[in-house]
Amino acid sequence: MGEVATQKPAQGLSFAVPAHIAARLKAAGGGNIADKSSVNQLTFGGKAWLMHVNGEKKLLQRVNDDGDMENVSIIKVVVLDQAAERGRDYYEKPFNPLDPKGPDCWSADSVKPHASVQNPQAGSCSTCPMAPKGSKVGEDGQQGYACAMFKLLSVIPVHHKTGQPNFDFPVLRLKLRMSSIWDKRDEAAAAEGWYGWDNYCDLLRQNGLSHTGAVTTRVRFANVNYPKLQFKMGEFLDDEMFDKALARAGSDEVKKLVAGGYDKPAAPKLGKPLPKDDEEVDGPAPVVPASKTPDADTIAAAQKLRAAEEAAAAKHAAEAETARLVANAKEVAAGKAKAIADAKAAYEAALAQAAAEEGFDDGAASTPAPVVAAPAQTTRKRRTKEQIEADNAAKAAAQAAPQSDDEPPARARNVKPELDDAPKIVPQEVSNALSGVLGAWGG
């Protein structure tokens, strides 16, 4: 009697299905026990890759140069597609990559819970108490997100020896967390061509490549103590392989994977029903059971973080205002300096004009008269024309007057006065300005 063995015995008693029963079930199209279904996916834990295909798990290992089995650290895939939006998921219990199960609540677009969720934590992601930073605190005190963001990729493996993608293999889902989606800090890795996923897509886009399925992509674990993946461009696919990649990327199989559906949703629980898609969600945030509400330490930590952010913003505003006041003060100082310079120039011009107008100026000379040095012991004052005429008239009258009643004037007696009695006149050079005046007097 022929027998059919089960593909993978379950734990406990093993048995074989008789051939006649197996044939009858096949003809009837199956029985009332459905096959165990799960999402074909590529996961990782402890820097080891796990492949889940048709309900079976396989640890990716290879033989090293010494003949020993070791975990594969770098894999090569073709990324057929990626989700258009980032999603979110929440697990009441820590996620176990060795036994992956669907989340208790999740969203495909980070806007509202998916329709398949039986017990949504809130009506929308924006009002969910599990969404903000600080809703989860790690053992080291690091603040995190109870409902974390993710991005889904659909990939097929590339054979490490032939370098060719295996299009006969089921498409696998690869879920990326935020640490693997965007990375701007690891400059050393970027210098070697390893990037976060979005950074990697930017590299392809900037070089004119608009589809990830045109190249092979290498994926590795970053050198950090938490789950983080990095991506590096491999080789271009040839025409035949690229056509297969495009055809596979447009299949329902790939669309379902990147849409984020879970074949087996979480067990139904009592809770608030999910609003309809066309129903507006407004008003106060929904009431959450006490077990879902962050504790006092988490709230205090979140308030402390918010206060630090507000202090930083206030400091930035104060620095900007200080810079503005300094710039205004510099502008005022520059204006004052210019006004002082203008006043000094005007003062010096006035002094020059006063010096030019000092003394006689009958228009006969266009340049100032040369300065004549007077004897050290004599200081003379410049006299006017009327003073000179008056002095000459006085001298003439004195000479013409009689010395006594019986003596005729000296001019009448034709007697020259003694030189000692005459006033001493020190000869000096007459300036051009005075010579014109004296010339009118005849000497």
Protein backbone atom coordinates (compact mmCIF):
# COMPACT_ATOMS: atom_id res chain seq x y z
CA MET A 1 0.00 0.00 0.00
CA GLY A 2 1.47 3.24 -1.09
CA GLU A 3 2.09 6.00 1.44
CA VAL A 4 2.69 9.76 1.19
CA ALA A 5 4.99 11.31 3.79
CA THR A 6 4.36 14.76 5.19
CA GLN A 7 6.75 17.46 3.98
CA LYS A 8 7.80 18.47 7.47
CA PRO A 9 6.71 16.43 10.51
CA ALA A 10 5.25 18.45 13.37
CA GLN A 11 6.52 18.02 16.89
CA GLY A 12 5.03 14.89 18.51
CA LEU A 13 3.56 11.84 16.76
CA SER A 14 4.40 11.41 13.06
CA PHE A 15 2.30 9.47 10.61
CA ALA A 16 1.78 8.91 6.91
CA VAL A 17 -1.44 9.56 4.94
CA PRO A 18 -2.68 6.50 3.01
CA ALA A 19 -2.52 6.89 -0.75
CA HIS A 20 -6.28 6.39 -1.34
CA ILE A 21 -7.13 9.21 1.10
CA ALA A 22 -4.56 11.52 -0.42
CA ALA A 23 -5.95 10.79 -3.91
CA ARG A 24 -9.54 11.46 -2.80
CA LEU A 25 -8.53 14.77 -1.15
CA LYS A 26 -6.66 15.83 -4.25
CA ALA A 27 -9.66 15.08 -6.45
CA ALA A 28 -11.97 16.96 -4.09
CA GLY A 29 -9.75 20.03 -4.14
CA GLY A 30 -8.61 19.74 -0.54
CA GLY A 31 -10.13 19.31 2.86
CA ASN A 32 -11.30 21.52 5.71
CA ILE A 33 -7.82 22.10 7.19
CA ALA A 34 -6.19 25.00 5.34
CA ASP A 35 -2.49 25.13 4.66
CA LYS A 36 -0.54 27.28 7.09
CA SER A 37 0.09 30.52 5.31
CA SER A 38 2.66 33.17 6.03
CA VAL A 39 4.32 35.99 4.20
CA ASN A 40 7.44 35.04 2.26
CA GLN A 41 10.00 37.35 3.72
CA LEU A 42 13.62 38.05 4.46
CA THR A 43 14.34 38.92 8.08
CA PHE A 44 17.42 39.27 10.24
CA GLY A 45 18.33 38.96 13.87
CA GLY A 46 21.66 39.07 15.67
CA LYS A 47 23.33 39.94 12.33
CA ALA A 48 22.11 36.72 10.78
CA TRP A 49 19.80 36.47 7.75
CA LEU A 50 16.63 34.34 7.93
CA MET A 51 14.53 33.42 4.91
CA HIS A 52 10.85 32.49 5.42
CA VAL A 53 9.39 30.70 2.39
CA ASN A 54 6.03 28.93 2.40
CA GLY A 55 6.01 28.58 6.16
CA GLU A 56 9.56 27.26 6.45
CA LYS A 57 12.54 29.10 7.89
CA LYS A 58 16.11 28.85 6.70
CA LEU A 59 19.22 30.42 8.19
CA LEU A 60 21.45 31.73 5.42
CA GLN A 61 24.89 30.15 5.83
CA ARG A 62 27.81 29.20 3.64
CA VAL A 63 31.02 27.22 3.88
CA ASN A 64 34.09 29.40 4.53
CA ASP A 65 37.63 28.79 3.31
CA ASP A 66 38.32 26.55 6.31
CA GLY A 67 35.37 24.32 5.49
CA ASP A 68 33.26 25.58 8.40
CA MET A 69 29.69 26.85 8.18
CA GLU A 70 29.28 30.56 8.90
CA ASN A 71 26.43 33.04 8.73
CA VAL A 72 26.16 35.06 5.55
CA SER A 73 26.82 38.71 6.38
CA ILE A 74 26.39 40.32 2.94
CA ILE A 75 23.63 39.25 0.56
CA LYS A 76 22.93 40.28 -3.03
CA VAL A 77 19.38 40.89 -4.24
CA VAL A 78 17.36 42.64 -6.93
CA VAL A 79 14.88 45.11 -5.42
CA LEU A 80 11.78 44.80 -7.59
CA ASP A 81 9.68 47.46 -5.85
CA GLN A 82 9.25 49.51 -2.70
CA ALA A 83 6.26 50.89 -0.85
CA ALA A 84 5.29 54.41 -1.86
CA GLU A 85 4.82 55.48 1.77
CA ARG A 86 6.35 54.66 5.11
CA GLY A 87 4.20 52.59 7.42
CA ARG A 88 3.97 52.10 11.19
CA ASP A 89 3.44 49.05 13.38
CA TYR A 90 2.90 48.41 17.07
CA TYR A 91 3.64 45.21 18.99
CA GLU A 92 2.48 44.72 22.56
CA LYS A 93 5.26 42.17 22.96
CA PRO A 94 8.78 42.58 21.59
CA PHE A 95 9.11 41.49 17.96
CA ASN A 96 10.84 38.12 17.57
CA PRO A 97 12.47 37.73 14.14
CA LEU A 98 12.83 33.99 14.76
CA ASP A 99 9.06 33.73 15.13
CA PRO A 100 7.62 36.71 13.24
CA LYS A 101 3.97 37.44 13.82
CA GLY A 102 1.69 40.20 12.70
CA PRO A 103 1.60 43.41 14.76
CA ASP A 104 -1.25 44.29 17.08
CA CYS A 105 -1.82 47.55 15.20
CA TRP A 106 -0.29 48.87 11.99
CA SER A 107 -0.69 51.42 9.22
CA ALA A 108 0.44 51.28 5.60
CA ASP A 109 0.72 55.07 5.21
CA SER A 110 1.32 56.41 8.78
CA VAL A 111 -2.05 58.19 8.58
CA LYS A 112 -4.53 55.75 10.10
CA PRO A 113 -4.65 52.07 11.09
CA HIS A 114 -5.19 49.54 8.33
CA ALA A 115 -8.72 48.19 7.85
CA SER A 116 -7.56 44.69 8.84
CA VAL A 117 -6.57 45.79 12.35
CA GLN A 118 -8.99 44.34 14.90
CA ASN A 119 -7.99 46.53 17.83
CA PRO A 120 -6.66 49.92 16.66
CA GLN A 121 -4.86 51.94 19.29
CA ALA A 122 -6.42 55.18 18.02
CA GLY A 123 -8.51 56.53 15.18
CA SER A 124 -5.50 58.14 13.49
CA CYS A 125 -1.74 57.92 13.82
CA SER A 126 -1.49 61.63 14.66
CA THR A 127 -3.52 61.16 17.86
CA CYS A 128 -2.13 57.77 18.86
CA PRO A 129 -0.29 57.74 22.22
CA MET A 130 2.08 55.08 20.85
CA ALA A 131 3.31 57.29 17.99
CA PRO A 132 5.35 60.15 19.59
CA LYS A 133 8.93 59.85 20.72
CA GLY A 134 9.13 58.83 24.36
CA SER A 135 6.22 56.39 24.13
CA LYS A 136 8.83 53.66 24.50
CA VAL A 137 11.89 53.76 26.75
CA GLY A 138 14.65 51.19 26.33
CA GLU A 139 16.60 49.46 29.06
CA ASP A 140 19.39 52.02 28.63
CA GLY A 141 16.94 54.90 29.11
CA GLN A 142 16.94 55.80 25.41
CA GLN A 143 13.62 57.23 24.25
CA GLY A 144 11.99 55.57 21.29
CA TYR A 145 8.69 54.95 19.56
CA ALA A 146 6.26 52.23 20.67
CA CYS A 147 4.72 52.38 17.20
CA ALA A 148 7.76 52.51 14.91
CA MET A 149 8.06 53.51 11.27
CA PHE A 150 9.06 51.06 8.57
CA LYS A 151 9.38 50.73 4.80
CA LEU A 152 8.73 47.57 2.76
CA LEU A 153 10.80 46.28 -0.15
CA SER A 154 10.17 43.29 -2.40
CA VAL A 155 13.34 41.42 -3.39
CA ILE A 156 14.51 38.27 -5.11
CA PRO A 157 17.86 36.63 -4.33
CA VAL A 158 20.93 36.74 -6.58
CA HIS A 159 23.12 33.66 -6.67
CA HIS A 160 26.44 34.47 -5.03
CA LYS A 161 28.43 32.36 -7.52
CA THR A 162 26.75 33.05 -10.87
CA GLY A 163 25.69 36.61 -10.03
CA GLN A 164 22.32 36.01 -11.74
CA PRO A 165 18.94 36.73 -10.11
CA ASN A 166 16.68 33.73 -9.56
CA PHE A 167 13.32 34.74 -11.05
CA ASP A 168 11.89 31.27 -10.32
CA PHE A 169 12.22 31.97 -6.59
CA PRO A 170 9.31 33.42 -4.59
CA VAL A 171 9.51 37.17 -4.04
CA LEU A 172 10.51 38.05 -0.47
CA ARG A 173 9.45 41.02 1.64
CA LEU A 174 12.19 42.96 3.42
CA LYS A 175 11.10 45.37 6.16
CA LEU A 176 13.38 48.32 6.94
CA ARG A 177 13.33 50.31 10.16
CA MET A 178 14.18 54.01 10.38
CA SER A 179 17.84 53.34 11.16
CA SER A 180 18.10 51.56 7.78
CA ILE A 181 15.89 53.96 5.79
CA TRP A 182 17.85 57.18 6.23
CA ASP A 183 21.45 57.62 7.32
CA LYS A 184 23.38 60.89 7.08
CA ARG A 185 25.93 60.29 9.84
CA ASP A 186 28.03 57.36 8.62
CA GLU A 187 30.33 59.32 6.29
CA ALA A 188 32.98 56.58 6.35
CA ALA A 189 30.49 54.03 4.98
CA ALA A 190 29.21 56.49 2.37
CA ALA A 191 32.78 57.04 1.17
CA GLU A 192 32.91 53.30 0.43
CA GLY A 193 29.55 53.32 -1.37
CA TRP A 194 27.32 52.02 1.47
CA TYR A 195 24.16 54.04 2.22
CA GLY A 196 20.83 54.02 3.99
CA TRP A 197 17.99 53.00 1.67
CA ASP A 198 16.68 56.48 0.83
CA ASN A 199 20.24 57.77 0.41
CA TYR A 200 20.92 54.83 -1.93
CA CYS A 201 17.83 55.72 -4.01
CA ASP A 202 19.05 59.33 -4.17
CA LEU A 203 22.36 58.08 -5.58
CA LEU A 204 20.58 56.11 -8.32
CA ARG A 205 18.25 59.00 -9.11
CA GLN A 206 21.04 61.57 -9.34
CA ASN A 207 22.80 59.38 -11.89
CA GLY A 208 19.71 59.00 -14.08
CA LEU A 209 18.53 55.56 -12.90
CA SER A 210 14.81 55.52 -12.03
CA HIS A 211 14.26 51.82 -11.21
CA THR A 212 15.98 49.70 -8.58
CA GLY A 213 15.32 46.54 -10.61
CA ALA A 214 17.93 47.53 -13.19
CA VAL A 215 20.84 46.64 -10.92
CA THR A 216 21.82 44.14 -8.28
CA THR A 217 22.02 45.53 -4.76
CA ARG A 218 24.30 44.37 -1.97
CA VAL A 219 22.95 44.50 1.59
CA ARG A 220 25.04 44.28 4.76
CA PHE A 221 24.79 44.83 8.51
CA ALA A 222 26.21 48.17 9.67
CA ASN A 223 28.98 48.12 12.26
CA VAL A 224 26.73 49.14 15.17
CA ASN A 225 25.19 47.30 18.10
CA TYR A 226 21.59 47.63 16.88
CA PRO A 227 19.78 46.41 13.74
CA LYS A 228 20.82 48.59 10.84
CA LEU A 229 21.22 47.73 7.15
CA GLN A 230 23.28 49.46 4.48
CA PHE A 231 22.99 49.19 0.69
CA LYS A 232 25.53 49.30 -2.13
CA MET A 233 25.07 49.24 -5.90
CA GLY A 234 26.19 46.11 -7.73
CA GLU A 235 26.09 45.31 -11.46
CA PHE A 236 23.59 46.25 -14.17
CA LEU A 237 21.24 43.53 -15.40
CA ASP A 238 21.38 42.55 -19.07
CA ASP A 239 18.38 43.09 -21.38
CA GLU A 240 16.79 39.69 -20.75
CA MET A 241 17.12 39.86 -16.99
CA PHE A 242 15.89 43.45 -16.81
CA ASP A 243 12.77 42.54 -18.83
CA LYS A 244 12.07 39.74 -16.34
CA ALA A 245 12.60 42.12 -13.43
CA LEU A 246 10.11 44.64 -14.85
CA ALA A 247 7.54 41.93 -15.53
CA ARG A 248 7.88 40.51 -12.03
CA ALA A 249 7.75 43.98 -10.47
CA GLY A 250 4.30 44.54 -12.00
CA SER A 251 2.84 41.29 -10.66
CA ASP A 252 0.13 41.04 -8.01
CA GLU A 253 2.57 39.06 -5.88
CA VAL A 254 4.88 42.07 -5.59
CA LYS A 255 2.07 44.59 -5.15
CA LYS A 256 0.67 42.59 -2.24
CA LEU A 257 4.02 42.44 -0.50
CA VAL A 258 4.78 46.17 -0.67
CA ALA A 259 1.19 47.01 0.30
CA GLY A 260 1.97 45.54 3.71
CA GLY A 261 -0.88 43.10 4.13
CA TYR A 262 -0.67 40.39 6.78
CA ASP A 263 -2.16 36.99 5.94
CA LYS A 264 -3.04 36.27 9.55
CA PRO A 265 -4.17 39.37 11.48
CA ALA A 266 -3.98 39.57 15.23
CA ALA A 267 -6.72 37.87 17.23
CA PRO A 268 -9.83 40.05 17.73
CA LYS A 269 -9.94 42.05 20.94
CA LEU A 270 -12.42 44.42 22.51
CA GLY A 271 -11.71 47.97 21.57
CA LYS A 272 -12.91 51.02 19.68
CA PRO A 273 -13.93 50.18 16.08
CA LEU A 274 -11.98 51.70 13.23
CA PRO A 275 -13.64 54.78 11.65
CA LYS A 276 -14.82 54.49 8.07
CA ASP A 277 -12.46 55.67 5.36
CA ASP A 278 -14.64 58.70 4.57
CA GLU A 279 -15.29 59.60 8.21
CA GLU A 280 -13.54 62.68 9.54
CA VAL A 281 -11.63 62.09 12.75
CA ASP A 282 -11.67 65.22 14.89
CA GLY A 283 -12.28 66.38 18.42
CA PRO A 284 -10.23 65.31 21.42
CA ALA A 285 -7.92 62.32 21.30
CA PRO A 286 -9.63 59.02 22.04
CA VAL A 287 -9.53 57.72 25.60
CA VAL A 288 -6.87 55.03 25.94
CA PRO A 289 -6.85 52.40 28.67
CA ALA A 290 -4.47 53.11 31.51
CA SER A 291 -2.20 50.27 30.42
CA LYS A 292 -1.68 52.04 27.07
CA THR A 293 -0.92 55.45 28.56
CA PRO A 294 2.76 56.33 28.98
CA ASP A 295 3.86 56.39 32.60
CA ALA A 296 4.86 59.50 34.55
CA ASP A 297 8.56 59.07 33.84
CA THR A 298 7.91 58.88 30.10
CA ILE A 299 5.71 61.98 30.19
CA ALA A 300 8.31 63.86 32.27
CA ALA A 301 11.05 62.86 29.83
CA ALA A 302 8.94 64.04 26.89
CA GLN A 303 8.24 67.37 28.64
CA LYS A 304 11.94 67.78 29.38
CA LEU A 305 12.78 67.18 25.73
CA ARG A 306 10.14 69.68 24.62
CA ALA A 307 11.49 72.28 27.09
CA ALA A 308 15.00 71.76 25.73
CA GLU A 309 13.73 72.28 22.17
CA GLU A 310 11.93 75.49 23.20
CA ALA A 311 15.08 76.73 24.99
CA ALA A 312 17.14 76.07 21.89
CA ALA A 313 14.62 78.00 19.76
CA ALA A 314 14.69 80.93 22.23
CA LYS A 315 18.49 80.94 22.18
CA HIS A 316 18.49 81.03 18.40
CA ALA A 317 16.05 83.97 18.40
CA ALA A 318 18.19 85.84 20.96
CA GLU A 319 21.34 85.32 18.90
CA ALA A 320 19.55 86.60 15.79
CA GLU A 321 18.35 89.73 17.67
CA THR A 322 21.87 90.35 19.02
CA ALA A 323 23.31 90.11 15.53
CA ARG A 324 20.71 92.60 14.29
CA LEU A 325 21.53 95.11 17.07
CA VAL A 326 25.28 94.80 16.41
CA ALA A 327 24.72 95.46 12.71
CA ASN A 328 22.62 98.57 13.51
CA ALA A 329 25.29 99.84 15.95
CA LYS A 330 27.99 99.40 13.29
CA GLU A 331 25.87 101.32 10.79
CA VAL A 332 25.32 104.21 13.27
CA ALA A 333 29.06 104.31 14.11
CA ALA A 334 29.94 104.47 10.42
CA GLY A 335 27.54 107.40 9.95
CA LYS A 336 29.06 109.27 12.88
CA ALA A 337 32.59 108.71 11.57
CA LYS A 338 31.58 110.11 8.18
CA ALA A 339 29.98 113.17 9.78
CA ILE A 340 33.16 113.83 11.79
CA ALA A 341 35.33 113.49 8.70
CA ASP A 342 33.08 115.89 6.76
CA ALA A 343 33.19 118.43 9.60
CA LYS A 344 36.98 118.21 9.80
CA ALA A 345 37.31 118.76 6.07
CA ALA A 346 34.99 121.78 6.24
CA TYR A 347 37.00 123.22 9.16
CA GLU A 348 40.31 122.89 7.30
CA ALA A 349 38.79 124.50 4.21
CA ALA A 350 37.61 127.44 6.31
CA LEU A 351 41.11 127.88 7.79
CA ALA A 352 42.65 127.90 4.33
CA GLN A 353 40.17 130.48 3.10
CA ALA A 354 40.81 132.71 6.15
CA ALA A 355 44.55 132.51 5.61
CA ALA A 356 44.12 133.52 1.97
CA GLU A 357 41.96 136.54 2.86
CA GLU A 358 44.33 137.86 5.59
CA GLY A 359 46.12 141.23 4.77
CA PHE A 360 45.69 143.53 1.70
CA ASP A 361 44.39 142.22 -1.50
CA ASP A 362 43.62 144.83 -4.18
CA GLY A 363 43.48 142.26 -6.88
CA ALA A 364 46.96 143.17 -8.20
CA ALA A 365 48.47 139.88 -7.06
CA SER A 366 46.88 136.45 -7.46
CA THR A 367 49.30 134.74 -5.06
CA PRO A 368 50.02 135.57 -1.42
CA ALA A 369 52.88 138.03 -0.87
CA PRO A 370 56.13 136.59 0.43
CA VAL A 371 56.62 136.85 4.14
CA VAL A 372 59.40 139.35 5.18
CA ALA A 373 61.26 138.55 8.34
CA ALA A 374 61.39 141.52 10.66
CA PRO A 375 64.37 142.23 12.92
CA ALA A 376 64.29 140.27 16.13
CA GLN A 377 64.20 143.38 18.32
CA THR A 378 61.53 145.23 16.35
CA THR A 379 57.91 144.33 15.98
CA ARG A 380 55.96 146.43 13.49
CA LYS A 381 52.27 146.66 12.96
CA ARG A 382 50.87 147.05 9.48
CA ARG A 383 49.40 150.60 9.05
CA THR A 384 46.66 151.86 6.87
CA LYS A 385 47.05 154.47 4.17
CA GLU A 386 45.38 157.16 6.30
CA GLN A 387 47.79 156.48 9.21
CA ILE A 388 50.82 156.82 6.94
CA GLU A 389 49.51 160.11 5.47
CA ALA A 390 48.82 161.46 8.93
CA ASP A 391 52.32 160.55 10.14
CA ASN A 392 53.93 162.23 7.10
CA ALA A 393 51.86 165.37 7.59
CA ALA A 394 52.87 165.48 11.24
CA LYS A 395 56.52 165.16 10.34
CA ALA A 396 56.26 167.92 7.74
CA ALA A 397 54.54 170.26 10.19
CA ALA A 398 57.16 169.58 12.80
CA GLN A 399 59.97 170.46 10.40
CA ALA A 400 58.25 173.60 9.19
CA ALA A 401 57.48 174.88 12.68
CA PRO A 402 60.04 177.38 14.28
CA GLN A 403 62.22 176.01 17.04
CA SER A 404 61.78 179.24 18.99
CA ASP A 405 60.43 182.71 18.55
CA ASP A 406 63.76 184.08 17.31
CA GLU A 407 64.81 181.08 15.28
CA PRO A 408 63.50 180.34 11.77
CA PRO A 409 62.39 176.85 10.89
CA ALA A 410 65.08 174.37 10.08
CA ARG A 411 63.92 174.07 6.46
CA ALA A 412 64.05 177.90 6.15
CA ARG A 413 67.60 177.98 7.55
CA ASN A 414 68.56 175.12 5.31
CA VAL A 415 69.94 173.26 8.31
CA LYS A 416 69.68 169.46 8.34
CA PRO A 417 68.68 167.92 11.59
CA GLU A 418 71.18 165.80 13.42
CA LEU A 419 71.07 162.17 12.49
CA ASP A 420 71.07 161.21 16.10
CA ASP A 421 67.93 163.20 16.67
CA ALA A 422 66.12 161.76 13.61
CA PRO A 423 64.02 158.69 14.05
CA LYS A 424 65.78 155.55 13.02
CA ILE A 425 64.10 153.76 10.12
CA VAL A 426 65.01 150.15 9.49
CA PRO A 427 64.87 149.41 5.76
CA GLN A 428 62.77 146.42 4.79
CA GLU A 429 61.55 144.94 1.60
CA VAL A 430 58.14 146.16 0.60
CA SER A 431 55.61 143.52 -0.39
CA ASN A 432 53.97 143.52 -3.79
CA ALA A 433 50.67 144.44 -2.20
CA LEU A 434 52.11 147.56 -0.45
CA SER A 435 54.20 148.70 -3.43
CA GLY A 436 51.06 149.29 -5.46
CA VAL A 437 49.62 151.46 -2.71
CA LEU A 438 52.81 153.46 -2.05
CA GLY A 439 53.33 154.01 -5.79
CA ALA A 440 50.26 156.21 -5.85
CA TRP A 441 51.93 158.54 -3.36
CA GLY A 442 54.98 159.19 -5.51
CA GLY A 443 57.53 157.35 -3.39
